[in-house]
Structure formats: structure tokens, C-alpha cells
């Protein structure tokens, strides 16, 4: 439906020992992910967020280097999505942001994310 509300967002995902899938493009065997606690993943993610908010890095640069999601090759861009297409905590956070805003840490079954709403 054309009238269905959609957002466009980018994200940075840091997986950890509690993530449902412990492998990523940068850690195919899951060795680092399996040895990373949720708290360590969140702390790393918030340090990355601070470097973006302070202007030291761009969201796209950080996503390309650090995200455990394959969207890293697109600077974290997930494109447009509507309700019911993402995990509930991710969806709620993305829809709550205004364009240009960056979320705090968001936990899902995939790991810990920060989300940048781009549209």
C-alpha cells in the first residue's frame, strides 16, 4: 500500500555472545562475537556513537568499518521499510526517531544497534 507509513534508516550492529547468529562478514567463524559480552558490545557501540555525534567520524564510515551487518557495505543503509518488517525493538526505535536523529543502544535478538533515521 502506498499510504503505509515507512521510514528509511541506517544502522550499526555489534553482535555478542547472546546474538542469535554468531557470525558476520567480518567474523565468519564467530570467534570474536562468541567472546564478546552484551555489555562490551554496548560499550563499544556507544563509543562509536560518540565519535559520530562529536563529528570525528561519519555514520557511514563507522558502519562500513565496524558493523556486523552486511549493510556495512552500504554504509549501514537498510533502505525503506514499514511496520512489521524488522524486529519489534528496532522498528519501534526507528519509527520514534526524526530524520537525522541517532538512537541510543537498541537491543534485538541480532545484537546491539544504533539507528540513524535518514528519511
PDB file of N, CA and C in Angstrom:
ATOM      1  N   UNK A   1       0.826  -1.194   0.000  1.00  0.00           N
ATOM      2  CA  UNK A   1       0.000   0.000   0.000  1.00  0.00           C
ATOM      3  C   UNK A   1       0.867   1.253   0.000  1.00  0.00           C
ATOM      4  N   UNK A   2       0.577   2.167  -0.842  1.00  0.00           N
ATOM      5  CA  UNK A   2       1.363   3.398  -0.931  1.00  0.00           C
ATOM      6  C   UNK A   2       1.194   4.266   0.303  1.00  0.00           C
ATOM      7  N   UNK A   3       0.067   4.146   0.987  1.00  0.00           N
ATOM      8  CA  UNK A   3      -0.184   5.010   2.148  1.00  0.00           C
ATOM      9  C   UNK A   3       0.447   4.471   3.432  1.00  0.00           C
ATOM     10  N   UNK A   4       0.963   3.258   3.390  1.00  0.00           N
ATOM     11  CA  UNK A   4       1.579   2.681   4.579  1.00  0.00           C
ATOM     12  C   UNK A   4       2.794   3.500   5.008  1.00  0.00           C
ATOM     13  N   UNK A   5       2.860   3.787   6.291  1.00  0.00           N
ATOM     14  CA  UNK A   5       3.981   4.566   6.824  1.00  0.00           C
ATOM     15  C   UNK A   5       5.277   3.772   6.701  1.00  0.00           C
ATOM     16  N   UNK A   6       6.298   4.439   6.180  1.00  0.00           N
ATOM     17  CA  UNK A   6       7.616   3.825   6.068  1.00  0.00           C
ATOM     18  C   UNK A   6       8.671   4.807   6.550  1.00  0.00           C
ATOM     19  N   UNK A   7       9.806   4.253   6.940  1.00  0.00           N
ATOM     20  CA  UNK A   7      10.963   5.067   7.289  1.00  0.00           C
ATOM     21  C   UNK A   7      12.142   4.545   6.479  1.00  0.00           C
ATOM     22  N   UNK A   8      13.159   5.364   6.394  1.00  0.00           N
ATOM     23  CA  UNK A   8      14.431   4.913   5.835  1.00  0.00           C
ATOM     24  C   UNK A   8      15.453   5.086   6.937  1.00  0.00           C
ATOM     25  N   UNK A   9      16.284   4.082   7.129  1.00  0.00           N
ATOM     26  CA  UNK A   9      17.244   4.128   8.222  1.00  0.00           C
ATOM     27  C   UNK A   9      18.518   3.389   7.859  1.00  0.00           C
ATOM     28  N   UNK A  10      19.564   3.768   8.584  1.00  0.00           N
ATOM     29  CA  UNK A  10      20.842   3.065   8.548  1.00  0.00           C
ATOM     30  C   UNK A  10      21.111   2.599   9.971  1.00  0.00           C
ATOM     31  N   UNK A  11      21.960   1.600  10.114  1.00  0.00           N
ATOM     32  CA  UNK A  11      22.277   1.143  11.467  1.00  0.00           C
ATOM     33  C   UNK A  11      23.693   0.606  11.537  1.00  0.00           C
ATOM     34  N   UNK A  12      24.145   0.495  12.764  1.00  0.00           N
ATOM     35  CA  UNK A  12      25.398  -0.177  13.074  1.00  0.00           C
ATOM     36  C   UNK A  12      25.041  -1.272  14.064  1.00  0.00           C
ATOM     37  N   UNK A  13      25.404  -2.481  13.746  1.00  0.00           N
ATOM     38  CA  UNK A  13      25.112  -3.646  14.583  1.00  0.00           C
ATOM     39  C   UNK A  13      26.412  -4.188  15.158  1.00  0.00           C
ATOM     40  N   UNK A  14      26.414  -4.395  16.461  1.00  0.00           N
ATOM     41  CA  UNK A  14      27.522  -5.100  17.112  1.00  0.00           C
ATOM     42  C   UNK A  14      26.918  -6.366  17.730  1.00  0.00           C
ATOM     43  N   UNK A  15      27.369  -7.511  17.227  1.00  0.00           N
ATOM     44  CA  UNK A  15      26.885  -8.792  17.756  1.00  0.00           C
ATOM     45  C   UNK A  15      27.658  -9.158  19.012  1.00  0.00           C
ATOM     46  N   UNK A  16      27.081 -10.071  19.801  1.00  0.00           N
ATOM     47  CA  UNK A  16      27.712 -10.517  21.042  1.00  0.00           C
ATOM     48  C   UNK A  16      27.336 -11.965  21.318  1.00  0.00           C
ATOM     49  N   UNK A  17      27.816 -12.490  22.424  1.00  0.00           N
ATOM     50  CA  UNK A  17      27.616 -13.900  22.757  1.00  0.00           C
ATOM     51  C   UNK A  17      26.146 -14.306  22.819  1.00  0.00           C
ATOM     52  N   UNK A  18      25.242 -13.361  23.070  1.00  0.00           N
ATOM     53  CA  UNK A  18      23.811 -13.658  23.135  1.00  0.00           C
ATOM     54  C   UNK A  18      23.075 -13.478  21.819  1.00  0.00           C
ATOM     55  N   UNK A  19      23.783 -13.079  20.768  1.00  0.00           N
ATOM     56  CA  UNK A  19      23.149 -12.870  19.464  1.00  0.00           C
ATOM     57  C   UNK A  19      22.680 -14.191  18.887  1.00  0.00           C
ATOM     58  N   UNK A  20      21.579 -14.154  18.160  1.00  0.00           N
ATOM     59  CA  UNK A  20      21.020 -15.402  17.629  1.00  0.00           C
ATOM     60  C   UNK A  20      21.911 -16.057  16.581  1.00  0.00           C
ATOM     61  N   UNK A  21      22.705 -15.280  15.866  1.00  0.00           N
ATOM     62  CA  UNK A  21      23.634 -15.825  14.880  1.00  0.00           C
ATOM     63  C   UNK A  21      25.005 -15.235  15.165  1.00  0.00           C
ATOM     64  N   UNK A  22      25.944 -16.079  15.530  1.00  0.00           N
ATOM     65  CA  UNK A  22      27.256 -15.598  15.985  1.00  0.00           C
ATOM     66  C   UNK A  22      28.293 -15.606  14.867  1.00  0.00           C
ATOM     67  N   UNK A  23      27.933 -15.052  13.729  1.00  0.00           N
ATOM     68  CA  UNK A  23      28.877 -14.912  12.625  1.00  0.00           C
ATOM     69  C   UNK A  23      28.516 -13.639  11.881  1.00  0.00           C
ATOM     70  N   UNK A  24      29.501 -13.047  11.238  1.00  0.00           N
ATOM     71  CA  UNK A  24      29.247 -11.873  10.421  1.00  0.00           C
ATOM     72  C   UNK A  24      30.280 -11.822   9.317  1.00  0.00           C
ATOM     73  N   UNK A  25      30.119 -10.861   8.425  1.00  0.00           N
ATOM     74  CA  UNK A  25      31.059 -10.715   7.311  1.00  0.00           C
ATOM     75  C   UNK A  25      32.480 -10.484   7.807  1.00  0.00           C
ATOM     76  N   UNK A  26      32.639  -9.854   8.975  1.00  0.00           N
ATOM     77  CA  UNK A  26      33.996  -9.577   9.459  1.00  0.00           C
ATOM     78  C   UNK A  26      34.473 -10.605  10.486  1.00  0.00           C
ATOM     79  N   UNK A  27      33.597 -11.485  10.910  1.00  0.00           N
ATOM     80  CA  UNK A  27      33.947 -12.547  11.867  1.00  0.00           C
ATOM     81  C   UNK A  27      33.199 -13.821  11.456  1.00  0.00           C
ATOM     82  N   UNK A  28      33.561 -14.395  10.288  1.00  0.00           N
ATOM     83  CA  UNK A  28      32.787 -15.512   9.738  1.00  0.00           C
ATOM     84  C   UNK A  28      32.713 -16.745  10.634  1.00  0.00           C
ATOM     85  N   UNK A  29      33.729 -16.957  11.469  1.00  0.00           N
ATOM     86  CA  UNK A  29      33.708 -18.109  12.376  1.00  0.00           C
ATOM     87  C   UNK A  29      33.062 -17.776  13.714  1.00  0.00           C
ATOM     88  N   UNK A  30      32.774 -16.520  13.945  1.00  0.00           N
ATOM     89  CA  UNK A  30      32.119 -16.110  15.182  1.00  0.00           C
ATOM     90  C   UNK A  30      33.001 -16.147  16.414  1.00  0.00           C
ATOM     91  N   UNK A  31      34.305 -16.191  16.240  1.00  0.00           N
ATOM     92  CA  UNK A  31      35.207 -16.288  17.400  1.00  0.00           C
ATOM     93  C   UNK A  31      35.156 -15.035  18.266  1.00  0.00           C
ATOM     94  N   UNK A  32      35.241 -13.864  17.643  1.00  0.00           N
ATOM     95  CA  UNK A  32      35.206 -12.608  18.398  1.00  0.00           C
ATOM     96  C   UNK A  32      33.817 -12.386  18.979  1.00  0.00           C
ATOM     97  N   UNK A  33      32.802 -12.622  18.164  1.00  0.00           N
ATOM     98  CA  UNK A  33      31.421 -12.427  18.617  1.00  0.00           C
ATOM     99  C   UNK A  33      31.117 -13.311  19.817  1.00  0.00           C
ATOM    100  N   UNK A  34      31.505 -14.568  19.767  1.00  0.00           N
ATOM    101  CA  UNK A  34      31.224 -15.505  20.866  1.00  0.00           C
ATOM    102  C   UNK A  34      31.944 -15.123  22.152  1.00  0.00           C
ATOM    103  N   UNK A  35      33.016 -14.357  22.044  1.00  0.00           N
ATOM    104  CA  UNK A  35      33.789 -13.950  23.226  1.00  0.00           C
ATOM    105  C   UNK A  35      33.430 -12.539  23.700  1.00  0.00           C
ATOM    106  N   UNK A  36      32.428 -11.926  23.073  1.00  0.00           N
ATOM    107  CA  UNK A  36      32.040 -10.555  23.411  1.00  0.00           C
ATOM    108  C   UNK A  36      30.766 -10.563  24.244  1.00  0.00           C
ATOM    109  N   UNK A  37      30.820  -9.943  25.415  1.00  0.00           N
ATOM    110  CA  UNK A  37      29.613  -9.850  26.240  1.00  0.00           C
ATOM    111  C   UNK A  37      28.691  -8.774  25.682  1.00  0.00           C
ATOM    112  N   UNK A  38      27.447  -8.796  26.085  1.00  0.00           N
ATOM    113  CA  UNK A  38      26.489  -7.781  25.662  1.00  0.00           C
ATOM    114  C   UNK A  38      26.955  -6.410  26.147  1.00  0.00           C
ATOM    115  N   UNK A  39      27.447  -6.335  27.387  1.00  0.00           N
ATOM    116  CA  UNK A  39      27.897  -5.055  27.933  1.00  0.00           C
ATOM    117  C   UNK A  39      29.086  -4.502  27.157  1.00  0.00           C
ATOM    118  N   UNK A  40      30.017  -5.369  26.779  1.00  0.00           N
ATOM    119  CA  UNK A  40      31.181  -4.928  25.997  1.00  0.00           C
ATOM    120  C   UNK A  40      30.739  -4.449  24.615  1.00  0.00           C
ATOM    121  N   UNK A  41      29.783  -5.161  24.000  1.00  0.00           N
ATOM    122  CA  UNK A  41      29.272  -4.756  22.690  1.00  0.00           C
ATOM    123  C   UNK A  41      28.594  -3.394  22.790  1.00  0.00           C
ATOM    124  N   UNK A  42      27.786  -3.192  23.822  1.00  0.00           N
ATOM    125  CA  UNK A  42      27.086  -1.915  24.008  1.00  0.00           C
ATOM    126  C   UNK A  42      28.074  -0.779  24.271  1.00  0.00           C
ATOM    127  N   UNK A  43      29.103  -1.038  25.073  1.00  0.00           N
ATOM    128  CA  UNK A  43      30.107  -0.008  25.365  1.00  0.00           C
ATOM    129  C   UNK A  43      30.855   0.383  24.092  1.00  0.00           C
ATOM    130  N   UNK A  44      31.226  -0.601  23.289  1.00  0.00           N
ATOM    131  CA  UNK A  44      31.896  -0.345  22.015  1.00  0.00           C
ATOM    132  C   UNK A  44      30.981   0.479  21.104  1.00  0.00           C
ATOM    133  N   UNK A  45      29.736   0.098  21.029  1.00  0.00           N
ATOM    134  CA  UNK A  45      28.771   0.796  20.184  1.00  0.00           C
ATOM    135  C   UNK A  45      28.576   2.243  20.625  1.00  0.00           C
ATOM    136  N   UNK A  46      28.496   2.482  21.919  1.00  0.00           N
ATOM    137  CA  UNK A  46      28.290   3.844  22.410  1.00  0.00           C
ATOM    138  C   UNK A  46      29.537   4.712  22.175  1.00  0.00           C
ATOM    139  N   UNK A  47      30.725   4.112  22.226  1.00  0.00           N
ATOM    140  CA  UNK A  47      31.947   4.852  21.895  1.00  0.00           C
ATOM    141  C   UNK A  47      31.935   5.240  20.413  1.00  0.00           C
ATOM    142  N   UNK A  48      31.472   4.333  19.562  1.00  0.00           N
ATOM    143  CA  UNK A  48      31.347   4.633  18.141  1.00  0.00           C
ATOM    144  C   UNK A  48      30.320   5.747  17.924  1.00  0.00           C
ATOM    145  N   UNK A  49      29.204   5.675  18.651  1.00  0.00           N
ATOM    146  CA  UNK A  49      28.160   6.705  18.554  1.00  0.00           C
ATOM    147  C   UNK A  49      28.725   8.070  18.947  1.00  0.00           C
ATOM    148  N   UNK A  50      29.509   8.087  20.035  1.00  0.00           N
ATOM    149  CA  UNK A  50      30.116   9.346  20.488  1.00  0.00           C
ATOM    150  C   UNK A  50      31.011   9.954  19.409  1.00  0.00           C
ATOM    151  N   UNK A  51      31.762   9.114  18.700  1.00  0.00           N
ATOM    152  CA  UNK A  51      32.658   9.641  17.652  1.00  0.00           C
ATOM    153  C   UNK A  51      31.853  10.214  16.488  1.00  0.00           C
ATOM    154  N   UNK A  52      30.674   9.677  16.246  1.00  0.00           N
ATOM    155  CA  UNK A  52      29.802  10.199  15.183  1.00  0.00           C
ATOM    156  C   UNK A  52      29.176  11.525  15.628  1.00  0.00           C
ATOM    157  N   UNK A  53      28.600  11.528  16.821  1.00  0.00           N
ATOM    158  CA  UNK A  53      27.912  12.720  17.333  1.00  0.00           C
ATOM    159  C   UNK A  53      28.885  13.894  17.489  1.00  0.00           C
ATOM    160  N   UNK A  54      30.126  13.604  17.858  1.00  0.00           N
ATOM    161  CA  UNK A  54      31.119  14.662  18.053  1.00  0.00           C
ATOM    162  C   UNK A  54      31.697  15.171  16.724  1.00  0.00           C
ATOM    163  N   UNK A  55      31.395  14.475  15.633  1.00  0.00           N
ATOM    164  CA  UNK A  55      31.886  14.898  14.327  1.00  0.00           C
ATOM    165  C   UNK A  55      33.239  14.321  13.947  1.00  0.00           C
ATOM    166  N   UNK A  56      33.804  13.446  14.787  1.00  0.00           N
ATOM    167  CA  UNK A  56      35.099  12.829  14.467  1.00  0.00           C
ATOM    168  C   UNK A  56      34.995  11.857  13.301  1.00  0.00           C
ATOM    169  N   UNK A  57      33.825  11.235  13.156  1.00  0.00           N
ATOM    170  CA  UNK A  57      33.594  10.249  12.095  1.00  0.00           C
ATOM    171  C   UNK A  57      32.191  10.437  11.550  1.00  0.00           C
ATOM    172  N   UNK A  58      31.959   9.921  10.339  1.00  0.00           N
ATOM    173  CA  UNK A  58      30.596   9.922   9.820  1.00  0.00           C
ATOM    174  C   UNK A  58      29.951   8.572  10.136  1.00  0.00           C
ATOM    175  N   UNK A  59      28.640   8.561  10.156  1.00  0.00           N
ATOM    176  CA  UNK A  59      27.905   7.326  10.410  1.00  0.00           C
ATOM    177  C   UNK A  59      28.312   6.268   9.384  1.00  0.00           C
ATOM    178  N   UNK A  60      28.376   6.675   8.123  1.00  0.00           N
ATOM    179  CA  UNK A  60      28.694   5.747   7.039  1.00  0.00           C
ATOM    180  C   UNK A  60      30.084   5.134   7.200  1.00  0.00           C
ATOM    181  N   UNK A  61      31.065   5.954   7.577  1.00  0.00           N
ATOM    182  CA  UNK A  61      32.427   5.445   7.781  1.00  0.00           C
ATOM    183  C   UNK A  61      32.451   4.398   8.896  1.00  0.00           C
ATOM    184  N   UNK A  62      31.806   4.736  10.006  1.00  0.00           N
ATOM    185  CA  UNK A  62      31.809   3.828  11.160  1.00  0.00           C
ATOM    186  C   UNK A  62      31.069   2.536  10.818  1.00  0.00           C
ATOM    187  N   UNK A  63      29.923   2.653  10.172  1.00  0.00           N
ATOM    188  CA  UNK A  63      29.166   1.451   9.792  1.00  0.00           C
ATOM    189  C   UNK A  63      29.987   0.565   8.862  1.00  0.00           C
ATOM    190  N   UNK A  64      30.644   1.173   7.891  1.00  0.00           N
ATOM    191  CA  UNK A  64      31.429   0.399   6.920  1.00  0.00           C
ATOM    192  C   UNK A  64      32.549  -0.395   7.575  1.00  0.00           C
ATOM    193  N   UNK A  65      33.129   0.170   8.630  1.00  0.00           N
ATOM    194  CA  UNK A  65      34.260  -0.486   9.302  1.00  0.00           C
ATOM    195  C   UNK A  65      33.847  -1.404  10.440  1.00  0.00           C
ATOM    196  N   UNK A  66      32.795  -1.058  11.162  1.00  0.00           N
ATOM    197  CA  UNK A  66      32.530  -1.730  12.429  1.00  0.00           C
ATOM    198  C   UNK A  66      31.257  -2.556  12.515  1.00  0.00           C
ATOM    199  N   UNK A  67      30.285  -2.331  11.642  1.00  0.00           N
ATOM    200  CA  UNK A  67      29.013  -3.038  11.768  1.00  0.00           C
ATOM    201  C   UNK A  67      29.166  -4.513  11.418  1.00  0.00           C
ATOM    202  N   UNK A  68      28.482  -5.359  12.182  1.00  0.00           N
ATOM    203  CA  UNK A  68      28.471  -6.794  11.910  1.00  0.00           C
ATOM    204  C   UNK A  68      27.397  -7.177  10.902  1.00  0.00           C
ATOM    205  N   UNK A  69      26.655  -6.216  10.390  1.00  0.00           N
ATOM    206  CA  UNK A  69      25.609  -6.471   9.398  1.00  0.00           C
ATOM    207  C   UNK A  69      26.178  -6.320   7.993  1.00  0.00           C
ATOM    208  N   UNK A  70      25.671  -7.092   7.053  1.00  0.00           N
ATOM    209  CA  UNK A  70      26.132  -6.973   5.666  1.00  0.00           C
ATOM    210  C   UNK A  70      25.782  -5.614   5.065  1.00  0.00           C
ATOM    211  N   UNK A  71      24.888  -4.849   5.715  1.00  0.00           N
ATOM    212  CA  UNK A  71      24.581  -3.491   5.245  1.00  0.00           C
ATOM    213  C   UNK A  71      25.799  -2.575   5.395  1.00  0.00           C
ATOM    214  N   UNK A  72      26.840  -3.043   6.065  1.00  0.00           N
ATOM    215  CA  UNK A  72      28.079  -2.260   6.220  1.00  0.00           C
ATOM    216  C   UNK A  72      28.621  -1.829   4.860  1.00  0.00           C
ATOM    217  N   UNK A  73      28.464  -2.682   3.845  1.00  0.00           N
ATOM    218  CA  UNK A  73      28.977  -2.329   2.516  1.00  0.00           C
ATOM    219  C   UNK A  73      28.212  -1.170   1.888  1.00  0.00           C
ATOM    220  N   UNK A  74      27.053  -0.802   2.474  1.00  0.00           N
ATOM    221  CA  UNK A  74      26.269   0.352   2.023  1.00  0.00           C
ATOM    222  C   UNK A  74      26.277   1.456   3.090  1.00  0.00           C
ATOM    223  N   UNK A  75      27.291   1.464   3.932  1.00  0.00           N
ATOM    224  CA  UNK A  75      27.361   2.462   4.996  1.00  0.00           C
ATOM    225  C   UNK A  75      26.272   2.299   6.040  1.00  0.00           C
ATOM    226  N   UNK A  76      25.749   1.086   6.147  1.00  0.00           N
ATOM    227  CA  UNK A  76      24.704   0.789   7.124  1.00  0.00           C
ATOM    228  C   UNK A  76      23.290   0.990   6.616  1.00  0.00           C
ATOM    229  N   UNK A  77      23.130   1.449   5.373  1.00  0.00           N
ATOM    230  CA  UNK A  77      21.808   1.763   4.828  1.00  0.00           C
ATOM    231  C   UNK A  77      20.948   0.511   4.679  1.00  0.00           C
ATOM    232  N   UNK A  78      19.760   0.560   5.281  1.00  0.00           N
ATOM    233  CA  UNK A  78      18.803  -0.541   5.189  1.00  0.00           C
ATOM    234  C   UNK A  78      17.695  -0.252   4.184  1.00  0.00           C
ATOM    235  N   UNK A  79      17.687   0.949   3.631  1.00  0.00           N
ATOM    236  CA  UNK A  79      16.621   1.322   2.705  1.00  0.00           C
ATOM    237  C   UNK A  79      15.335   1.644   3.464  1.00  0.00           C
ATOM    238  N   UNK A  80      14.230   1.642   2.742  1.00  0.00           N
ATOM    239  CA  UNK A  80      12.923   1.954   3.334  1.00  0.00           C
ATOM    240  C   UNK A  80      12.281   0.677   3.857  1.00  0.00           C
ATOM    241  N   UNK A  81      11.564   0.796   4.964  1.00  0.00           N
ATOM    242  CA  UNK A  81      10.818  -0.345   5.490  1.00  0.00           C
ATOM    243  C   UNK A  81       9.602   0.150   6.248  1.00  0.00           C
ATOM    244  N   UNK A  82       8.604  -0.707   6.301  1.00  0.00           N
ATOM    245  CA  UNK A  82       7.371  -0.396   7.013  1.00  0.00           C
ATOM    246  C   UNK A  82       7.277  -1.180   8.306  1.00  0.00           C
ATOM    247  N   UNK A  83       6.176  -1.011   8.973  1.00  0.00           N
ATOM    248  CA  UNK A  83       5.959  -1.727  10.229  1.00  0.00           C
ATOM    249  C   UNK A  83       5.815  -3.223   9.954  1.00  0.00           C
ATOM    250  N   UNK A  84       6.353  -4.018  10.878  1.00  0.00           N
ATOM    251  CA  UNK A  84       6.261  -5.466  10.748  1.00  0.00           C
ATOM    252  C   UNK A  84       7.382  -6.091   9.932  1.00  0.00           C
ATOM    253  N   UNK A  85       8.337  -5.290   9.461  1.00  0.00           N
ATOM    254  CA  UNK A  85       9.417  -5.835   8.646  1.00  0.00           C
ATOM    255  C   UNK A  85      10.712  -6.043   9.427  1.00  0.00           C
ATOM    256  N   UNK A  86      10.836  -5.394  10.566  1.00  0.00           N
ATOM    257  CA  UNK A  86      12.044  -5.500  11.389  1.00  0.00           C
ATOM    258  C   UNK A  86      11.657  -6.064  12.757  1.00  0.00           C
ATOM    259  N   UNK A  87      12.669  -6.472  13.533  1.00  0.00           N
ATOM    260  CA  UNK A  87      12.388  -6.910  14.897  1.00  0.00           C
ATOM    261  C   UNK A  87      11.757  -5.746  15.661  1.00  0.00           C
ATOM    262  N   UNK A  88      10.806  -6.068  16.529  1.00  0.00           N
ATOM    263  CA  UNK A  88       9.981  -5.059  17.192  1.00  0.00           C
ATOM    264  C   UNK A  88      10.782  -3.933  17.863  1.00  0.00           C
ATOM    265  N   UNK A  89      11.810  -4.219  18.688  1.00  0.00           N
ATOM    266  CA  UNK A  89      12.539  -3.115  19.325  1.00  0.00           C
ATOM    267  C   UNK A  89      13.208  -2.198  18.302  1.00  0.00           C
ATOM    268  N   UNK A  90      13.715  -2.779  17.222  1.00  0.00           N
ATOM    269  CA  UNK A  90      14.368  -1.999  16.174  1.00  0.00           C
ATOM    270  C   UNK A  90      13.341  -1.106  15.486  1.00  0.00           C
ATOM    271  N   UNK A  91      12.212  -1.696  15.122  1.00  0.00           N
ATOM    272  CA  UNK A  91      11.142  -0.950  14.462  1.00  0.00           C
ATOM    273  C   UNK A  91      10.654   0.212  15.327  1.00  0.00           C
ATOM    274  N   UNK A  92      10.399  -0.061  16.591  1.00  0.00           N
ATOM    275  CA  UNK A  92       9.899   0.988  17.483  1.00  0.00           C
ATOM    276  C   UNK A  92      10.894   2.144  17.593  1.00  0.00           C
ATOM    277  N   UNK A  93      12.167   1.819  17.708  1.00  0.00           N
ATOM    278  CA  UNK A  93      13.191   2.865  17.819  1.00  0.00           C
ATOM    279  C   UNK A  93      13.290   3.666  16.516  1.00  0.00           C
ATOM    280  N   UNK A  94      13.288   2.981  15.384  1.00  0.00           N
ATOM    281  CA  UNK A  94      13.428   3.665  14.091  1.00  0.00           C
ATOM    282  C   UNK A  94      12.256   4.607  13.838  1.00  0.00           C
ATOM    283  N   UNK A  95      11.040   4.156  14.127  1.00  0.00           N
ATOM    284  CA  UNK A  95       9.860   4.981  13.893  1.00  0.00           C
ATOM    285  C   UNK A  95       9.757   6.134  14.898  1.00  0.00           C
ATOM    286  N   UNK A  96      10.385   6.005  16.052  1.00  0.00           N
ATOM    287  CA  UNK A  96      10.334   7.058  17.072  1.00  0.00           C
ATOM    288  C   UNK A  96      11.301   8.206  16.778  1.00  0.00           C
ATOM    289  N   UNK A  97      12.307   7.941  15.942  1.00  0.00           N
ATOM    290  CA  UNK A  97      13.292   8.969  15.609  1.00  0.00           C
ATOM    291  C   UNK A  97      12.745   9.937  14.566  1.00  0.00           C
ATOM    292  N   UNK A  98      13.267  11.144  14.575  1.00  0.00           N
ATOM    293  CA  UNK A  98      13.022  12.098  13.490  1.00  0.00           C
ATOM    294  C   UNK A  98      14.182  11.951  12.504  1.00  0.00           C
ATOM    295  N   UNK A  99      13.969  12.353  11.265  1.00  0.00           N
ATOM    296  CA  UNK A  99      15.032  12.273  10.257  1.00  0.00           C
ATOM    297  C   UNK A  99      16.269  13.012  10.763  1.00  0.00           C
ATOM    298  N   UNK A 100      17.414  12.341  10.670  1.00  0.00           N
ATOM    299  CA  UNK A 100      18.676  12.916  11.117  1.00  0.00           C
ATOM    300  C   UNK A 100      19.057  12.567  12.546  1.00  0.00           C
ATOM    301  N   UNK A 101      18.137  11.981  13.304  1.00  0.00           N
ATOM    302  CA  UNK A 101      18.435  11.605  14.700  1.00  0.00           C
ATOM    303  C   UNK A 101      19.069  10.231  14.775  1.00  0.00           C
ATOM    304  N   UNK A 102      19.919  10.060  15.795  1.00  0.00           N
ATOM    305  CA  UNK A 102      20.586   8.778  16.054  1.00  0.00           C
ATOM    306  C   UNK A 102      20.080   8.252  17.395  1.00  0.00           C
ATOM    307  N   UNK A 103      19.729   6.987  17.412  1.00  0.00           N
ATOM    308  CA  UNK A 103      19.207   6.364  18.637  1.00  0.00           C
ATOM    309  C   UNK A 103      20.319   6.097  19.647  1.00  0.00           C
ATOM    310  N   UNK A 104      19.908   5.797  20.861  1.00  0.00           N
ATOM    311  CA  UNK A 104      20.800   5.190  21.836  1.00  0.00           C
ATOM    312  C   UNK A 104      20.883   3.708  21.471  1.00  0.00           C
ATOM    313  N   UNK A 105      21.516   2.908  22.294  1.00  0.00           N
ATOM    314  CA  UNK A 105      21.633   1.471  22.030  1.00  0.00           C
ATOM    315  C   UNK A 105      20.253   0.815  22.019  1.00  0.00           C
ATOM    316  N   UNK A 106      20.030  -0.036  21.027  1.00  0.00           N
ATOM    317  CA  UNK A 106      18.779  -0.773  20.877  1.00  0.00           C
ATOM    318  C   UNK A 106      19.128  -2.254  20.837  1.00  0.00           C
ATOM    319  N   UNK A 107      18.562  -3.023  21.772  1.00  0.00           N
ATOM    320  CA  UNK A 107      18.810  -4.463  21.821  1.00  0.00           C
ATOM    321  C   UNK A 107      17.780  -5.229  21.010  1.00  0.00           C
ATOM    322  N   UNK A 108      18.269  -6.162  20.180  1.00  0.00           N
ATOM    323  CA  UNK A 108      17.394  -7.110  19.484  1.00  0.00           C
ATOM    324  C   UNK A 108      18.030  -8.492  19.598  1.00  0.00           C
ATOM    325  N   UNK A 109      17.361  -9.489  19.037  1.00  0.00           N
ATOM    326  CA  UNK A 109      17.927 -10.835  19.029  1.00  0.00           C
ATOM    327  C   UNK A 109      19.211 -10.906  18.196  1.00  0.00           C
ATOM    328  N   UNK A 110      19.411  -9.937  17.321  1.00  0.00           N
ATOM    329  CA  UNK A 110      20.605  -9.923  16.466  1.00  0.00           C
ATOM    330  C   UNK A 110      21.826  -9.353  17.165  1.00  0.00           C
ATOM    331  N   UNK A 111      21.616  -8.488  18.161  1.00  0.00           N
ATOM    332  CA  UNK A 111      22.718  -7.839  18.854  1.00  0.00           C
ATOM    333  C   UNK A 111      22.296  -6.450  19.306  1.00  0.00           C
ATOM    334  N   UNK A 112      23.269  -5.555  19.395  1.00  0.00           N
ATOM    335  CA  UNK A 112      23.017  -4.186  19.842  1.00  0.00           C
ATOM    336  C   UNK A 112      23.225  -3.249  18.648  1.00  0.00           C
ATOM    337  N   UNK A 113      22.298  -2.325  18.453  1.00  0.00           N
ATOM    338  CA  UNK A 113      22.327  -1.420  17.309  1.00  0.00           C
ATOM    339  C   UNK A 113      22.309   0.039  17.753  1.00  0.00           C
ATOM    340  N   UNK A 114      22.812   0.909  16.889  1.00  0.00           N
ATOM    341  CA  UNK A 114      22.403   2.309  16.897  1.00  0.00           C
ATOM    342  C   UNK A 114      21.798   2.546  15.527  1.00  0.00           C
ATOM    343  N   UNK A 115      20.771   3.361  15.507  1.00  0.00           N
ATOM    344  CA  UNK A 115      19.997   3.585  14.288  1.00  0.00           C
ATOM    345  C   UNK A 115      20.036   5.066  13.939  1.00  0.00           C
ATOM    346  N   UNK A 116      20.264   5.364  12.683  1.00  0.00           N
ATOM    347  CA  UNK A 116      20.185   6.712  12.149  1.00  0.00           C
ATOM    348  C   UNK A 116      18.987   6.735  11.199  1.00  0.00           C
ATOM    349  N   UNK A 117      17.981   7.537  11.557  1.00  0.00           N
ATOM    350  CA  UNK A 117      16.841   7.661  10.643  1.00  0.00           C
ATOM    351  C   UNK A 117      17.214   8.652   9.551  1.00  0.00           C
ATOM    352  N   UNK A 118      17.132   8.214   8.319  1.00  0.00           N
ATOM    353  CA  UNK A 118      17.548   9.048   7.193  1.00  0.00           C
ATOM    354  C   UNK A 118      16.359   9.558   6.390  1.00  0.00           C
ATOM    355  N   UNK A 119      15.175   9.052   6.635  1.00  0.00           N
ATOM    356  CA  UNK A 119      14.007   9.526   5.902  1.00  0.00           C
ATOM    357  C   UNK A 119      12.732   8.930   6.414  1.00  0.00           C
TER     358      UNK A 119
END
